[in-house]
Protein backbone atom coordinates (compact mmCIF):
# COMPACT_ATOMS: atom_id res chain seq x y z
CA MET A 1 35.11 -37.12 2.07
CA LEU A 2 34.90 -36.38 -1.53
CA ASN A 3 31.55 -35.56 -3.03
CA LEU A 4 31.52 -37.50 -5.94
CA ASP A 5 27.79 -36.11 -7.27
CA ARG A 6 29.41 -32.52 -7.36
CA ILE A 7 32.24 -33.35 -9.87
CA LYS A 8 31.44 -32.16 -13.15
CA ALA A 9 35.18 -31.01 -14.60
CA ILE A 10 38.60 -31.78 -13.03
CA SER A 11 42.03 -29.90 -13.24
CA LEU A 12 45.39 -31.02 -13.38
CA ASP A 13 48.53 -29.72 -11.71
CA LEU A 14 51.21 -30.80 -14.71
CA ASP A 15 55.04 -30.64 -12.71
CA ASP A 16 55.45 -33.51 -9.90
CA THR A 17 51.66 -34.56 -10.50
CA LEU A 18 52.22 -36.28 -14.23
CA TRP A 19 56.19 -36.17 -14.21
CA PRO A 20 58.53 -35.66 -11.75
CA ILE A 21 60.28 -31.94 -12.59
CA TRP A 22 63.76 -31.50 -11.63
CA PRO A 23 65.11 -34.27 -13.38
CA THR A 24 63.93 -32.35 -16.24
CA ILE A 25 65.22 -29.08 -15.22
CA GLU A 26 68.51 -30.03 -14.36
CA ARG A 27 68.88 -31.86 -17.86
CA ALA A 28 67.63 -28.28 -19.82
CA GLU A 29 69.81 -26.09 -17.60
CA GLN A 30 72.79 -28.77 -18.45
CA VAL A 31 72.09 -27.94 -21.76
CA LEU A 32 71.45 -24.60 -22.12
CA HIS A 33 74.77 -24.29 -20.03
CA ASP A 34 76.60 -26.80 -22.84
CA TRP A 35 75.11 -24.28 -25.64
CA LEU A 36 76.37 -21.20 -23.87
CA ALA A 37 80.20 -22.71 -23.61
CA LEU A 38 80.14 -23.20 -27.78
CA ASN A 39 78.20 -19.94 -28.23
CA ALA A 40 78.91 -17.65 -25.76
CA PRO A 41 81.88 -18.59 -23.85
CA SER A 42 82.15 -15.78 -21.67
CA THR A 43 79.20 -16.55 -20.34
CA ALA A 44 79.78 -20.06 -19.84
CA SER A 45 83.42 -19.17 -18.07
CA ARG A 46 81.18 -16.38 -15.49
CA TYR A 47 78.68 -18.64 -15.16
CA ALA A 48 80.59 -21.93 -14.28
CA THR A 49 78.00 -24.60 -14.02
CA PRO A 50 73.91 -24.86 -14.52
CA HIS A 51 73.87 -23.86 -10.81
CA ALA A 52 75.66 -20.80 -11.07
CA LEU A 53 73.02 -20.32 -14.02
CA ARG A 54 69.78 -21.11 -11.75
CA GLU A 55 71.34 -18.93 -8.90
CA LEU A 56 70.82 -15.90 -11.46
CA ARG A 57 67.78 -17.14 -12.21
CA ASN A 58 66.30 -16.68 -8.68
CA GLU A 59 68.20 -13.56 -7.94
CA VAL A 60 66.40 -12.23 -11.17
CA GLU A 61 63.02 -13.89 -9.52
CA ARG A 62 63.81 -11.57 -6.31
CA GLN A 63 64.66 -8.52 -8.29
CA ARG A 64 61.96 -8.35 -10.43
CA PRO A 65 58.81 -9.59 -8.44
CA GLU A 66 56.26 -8.82 -11.16
CA LEU A 67 57.81 -11.47 -13.30
CA ALA A 68 57.01 -14.34 -10.23
CA HIS A 69 54.44 -15.56 -12.28
CA ASP A 70 55.46 -16.01 -15.15
CA MET A 71 58.32 -19.06 -15.76
CA THR A 72 58.95 -18.17 -19.12
CA ALA A 73 59.98 -14.38 -18.29
CA LEU A 74 61.67 -15.15 -15.77
CA ARG A 75 64.35 -17.55 -17.54
CA ARG A 76 64.57 -15.73 -20.46
CA GLU A 77 65.32 -12.72 -18.42
CA SER A 78 68.08 -14.54 -16.30
CA ILE A 79 69.60 -15.58 -19.95
CA ARG A 80 69.68 -12.04 -20.83
CA VAL A 81 71.61 -11.13 -18.28
CA ALA A 82 73.87 -13.53 -18.00
CA LEU A 83 75.29 -13.40 -21.34
CA SER A 84 74.92 -9.33 -20.95
CA SER A 85 76.97 -9.06 -17.20
CA ALA A 86 79.56 -11.71 -19.56
CA GLY A 87 79.77 -9.38 -22.01
CA ASP A 88 78.12 -11.21 -25.05
CA ASP A 89 75.62 -10.96 -27.69
CA PRO A 90 72.59 -10.55 -25.83
CA ALA A 91 70.46 -11.45 -28.94
CA LEU A 92 71.49 -14.81 -28.09
CA THR A 93 68.87 -14.67 -25.53
CA GLU A 94 66.05 -16.30 -27.82
CA PRO A 95 67.73 -18.95 -29.44
CA ALA A 96 69.46 -19.73 -26.21
CA PHE A 97 66.22 -19.74 -24.46
CA GLU A 98 64.74 -22.34 -27.43
CA LEU A 99 67.13 -24.74 -26.41
CA PHE A 100 66.11 -24.72 -22.84
CA ILE A 101 62.58 -24.97 -23.02
CA ALA A 102 62.27 -27.37 -26.00
CA GLU A 103 63.89 -29.55 -23.47
CA ARG A 104 61.90 -28.41 -20.57
CA HIS A 105 59.27 -30.32 -22.56
CA ASN A 106 61.34 -33.61 -23.34
CA VAL A 107 59.91 -35.03 -19.79
CA SER A 108 59.55 -39.00 -18.37
CA PHE A 109 56.08 -39.23 -17.13
CA PHE A 110 55.62 -41.38 -14.27
CA PRO A 111 53.80 -44.82 -14.99
CA ASP A 112 50.40 -44.24 -13.97
CA ALA A 113 50.52 -40.55 -15.98
CA LEU A 114 49.08 -41.64 -19.32
CA PRO A 115 46.82 -44.18 -18.12
CA ALA A 116 44.89 -42.23 -16.24
CA LEU A 117 44.83 -39.40 -18.38
CA GLU A 118 42.98 -41.89 -21.03
CA MET A 119 40.38 -42.80 -18.67
CA LEU A 120 39.79 -39.66 -17.02
CA ALA A 121 39.53 -37.75 -20.61
CA ALA A 122 36.91 -40.56 -21.37
CA ARG A 123 34.64 -39.47 -18.79
CA TYR A 124 35.57 -35.67 -17.42
CA PRO A 125 36.30 -32.35 -19.31
CA LEU A 126 39.55 -32.11 -18.11
CA VAL A 127 41.31 -28.72 -17.74
CA SER A 128 45.48 -28.37 -17.06
CA LEU A 129 46.33 -26.15 -13.90
CA SER A 130 50.19 -24.71 -13.85
CA ASN A 131 52.19 -22.15 -12.63
CA GLY A 132 54.96 -23.32 -14.79
CA ASN A 133 55.81 -23.05 -18.22
CA ALA A 134 55.13 -26.20 -19.57
CA ASP A 135 52.60 -26.88 -23.02
CA PRO A 136 50.29 -29.76 -22.80
CA ALA A 137 50.60 -29.45 -26.83
CA ARG A 138 54.13 -29.97 -26.67
CA MET A 139 54.07 -33.26 -24.97
CA GLY A 140 51.32 -35.02 -27.20
CA LEU A 141 48.45 -34.65 -23.98
CA ALA A 142 46.19 -32.23 -26.12
CA PRO A 143 43.70 -34.65 -27.05
CA PHE A 144 43.49 -35.26 -23.27
CA PHE A 145 42.42 -31.25 -22.46
CA VAL A 146 39.86 -29.13 -23.41
CA ALA A 147 41.59 -26.38 -22.07
CA SER A 148 45.24 -25.61 -20.40
CA VAL A 149 45.67 -22.31 -17.25
CA ALA A 150 48.81 -21.37 -17.00
CA ALA A 151 50.13 -18.49 -14.49
CA LEU A 152 51.94 -16.85 -17.32
CA LYS A 153 48.71 -16.22 -19.19
CA VAL A 154 46.23 -15.88 -16.68
CA GLY A 155 48.59 -12.85 -14.20
CA VAL A 156 48.78 -14.89 -11.14
CA ALA A 157 50.17 -18.31 -9.89
CA LYS A 158 48.48 -20.58 -7.61
CA PRO A 159 47.03 -20.34 -4.58
CA HIS A 160 45.65 -17.10 -5.93
CA ALA A 161 41.83 -18.30 -6.21
CA ARG A 162 41.22 -16.23 -9.82
CA ILE A 163 43.56 -19.01 -11.64
CA PHE A 164 41.51 -21.57 -10.32
CA HIS A 165 38.55 -19.80 -11.20
CA VAL A 166 40.09 -19.23 -14.47
CA ALA A 167 40.36 -23.04 -15.03
CA ALA A 168 36.41 -23.50 -14.09
CA GLU A 169 35.69 -21.09 -16.32
CA ALA A 170 37.75 -22.42 -19.07
CA VAL A 171 34.84 -26.02 -18.78
CA GLY A 172 32.24 -24.05 -18.37
CA VAL A 173 31.56 -24.89 -14.76
CA GLN A 174 31.25 -23.63 -11.36
CA PRO A 175 34.69 -23.54 -9.01
CA HIS A 176 32.34 -26.27 -7.18
CA GLU A 177 31.67 -28.36 -9.71
CA VAL A 178 35.72 -28.74 -9.87
CA LEU A 179 38.04 -31.42 -8.88
CA HIS A 180 41.48 -30.23 -8.58
CA VAL A 181 44.52 -33.10 -8.67
CA GLY A 182 47.68 -32.53 -7.34
CA ASP A 183 51.11 -32.91 -5.64
CA ASP A 184 51.90 -29.47 -3.58
CA MET A 185 49.96 -29.13 0.00
CA LEU A 186 49.95 -25.66 -0.70
CA LEU A 187 49.46 -24.33 -4.11
CA ASP A 188 47.19 -27.02 -4.99
CA VAL A 189 45.17 -28.17 -2.36
CA LEU A 190 44.67 -25.62 0.11
CA GLY A 191 44.58 -23.24 -2.82
CA ALA A 192 42.17 -25.20 -4.66
CA ARG A 193 40.18 -25.55 -1.29
CA ALA A 194 40.20 -21.79 -0.60
CA ALA A 195 38.48 -21.45 -4.10
CA GLY A 196 36.19 -23.00 -3.43
CA MET A 197 37.01 -26.25 -5.55
CA GLN A 198 37.44 -30.24 -4.14
CA ALA A 199 40.95 -31.21 -3.57
CA VAL A 200 43.05 -34.23 -4.50
CA TRP A 201 46.46 -34.56 -3.14
CA ILE A 202 48.87 -37.07 -4.89
CA ASN A 203 51.11 -37.72 -2.17
CA ARG A 204 54.01 -39.92 -3.96
CA GLU A 205 56.32 -39.79 -1.22
CA GLY A 206 54.50 -40.71 1.91
CA VAL A 207 54.80 -37.09 3.66
CA HIS A 208 52.73 -36.12 6.48
CA TRP A 209 50.14 -33.61 5.89
CA PRO A 210 50.84 -31.00 8.55
CA HIS A 211 47.83 -28.41 8.57
CA GLU A 212 44.28 -28.45 10.05
CA GLU A 213 42.86 -28.59 6.76
CA ARG A 214 43.06 -31.55 5.00
CA PRO A 215 42.43 -32.28 1.40
CA HIS A 216 39.54 -34.28 0.42
CA LEU A 217 41.07 -37.25 -0.75
CA GLU A 218 44.81 -38.17 -0.24
CA LEU A 219 46.28 -40.80 -2.91
CA ALA A 220 49.68 -42.31 -3.93
CA ASP A 221 49.24 -41.81 -7.60
CA LEU A 222 47.11 -41.07 -10.17
CA SER A 223 45.88 -44.92 -10.34
CA GLY A 224 44.27 -44.45 -7.42
CA LEU A 225 42.03 -41.34 -8.60
CA VAL A 226 40.87 -43.67 -11.67
CA GLU A 227 39.84 -46.26 -8.57
CA ALA A 228 38.46 -44.17 -6.41
CA LEU A 229 35.62 -41.97 -9.33
CA ALA A 230 35.03 -45.24 -11.02
């Protein structure tokens, strides 16, 4: 059961909690491939589809595990490898990445997300907590968050306890005083619980919870969170 009296701040996951991530990534990868077709045709030919570029990115992650927490470095390095292996100019890496990351920030929020953020931010200090490379400020979300914590800056990713503790420090409270909200069973819920936080699972798809240790609260969307905290 959720203990409302303990909550002094809320940390929020971003991807698949505030917006669906895969439609955004797929569109960004298509925009990147279209750009390569015009500016680096050998690369676009060697990696003939956006899916082929994603496979390369996944291969780079397997070969460079030290970058696993940094989605920006992984994507940038995979673009560089693609260009170099195809004989195109690796100096195109940066403009290609900037195009990709701009489109990656062109998200479509879940209908409940922005109204919930407005209501929650009026009552609690909010901190974003993400393994991804989304910057809330680039999406106009800065007014809702007093801090943003990302794995690429901390050096470890969820479910590591340290990134949750950094989020608590960022809003000046103890971990047990933070309510973490996210969609991922392992990364968000079990990670937050292991770090000493209360955890809310946003289960938009209505899937079954398979683990013995459970979230403190399970909700279908963020509107339910606003109601639960009222």
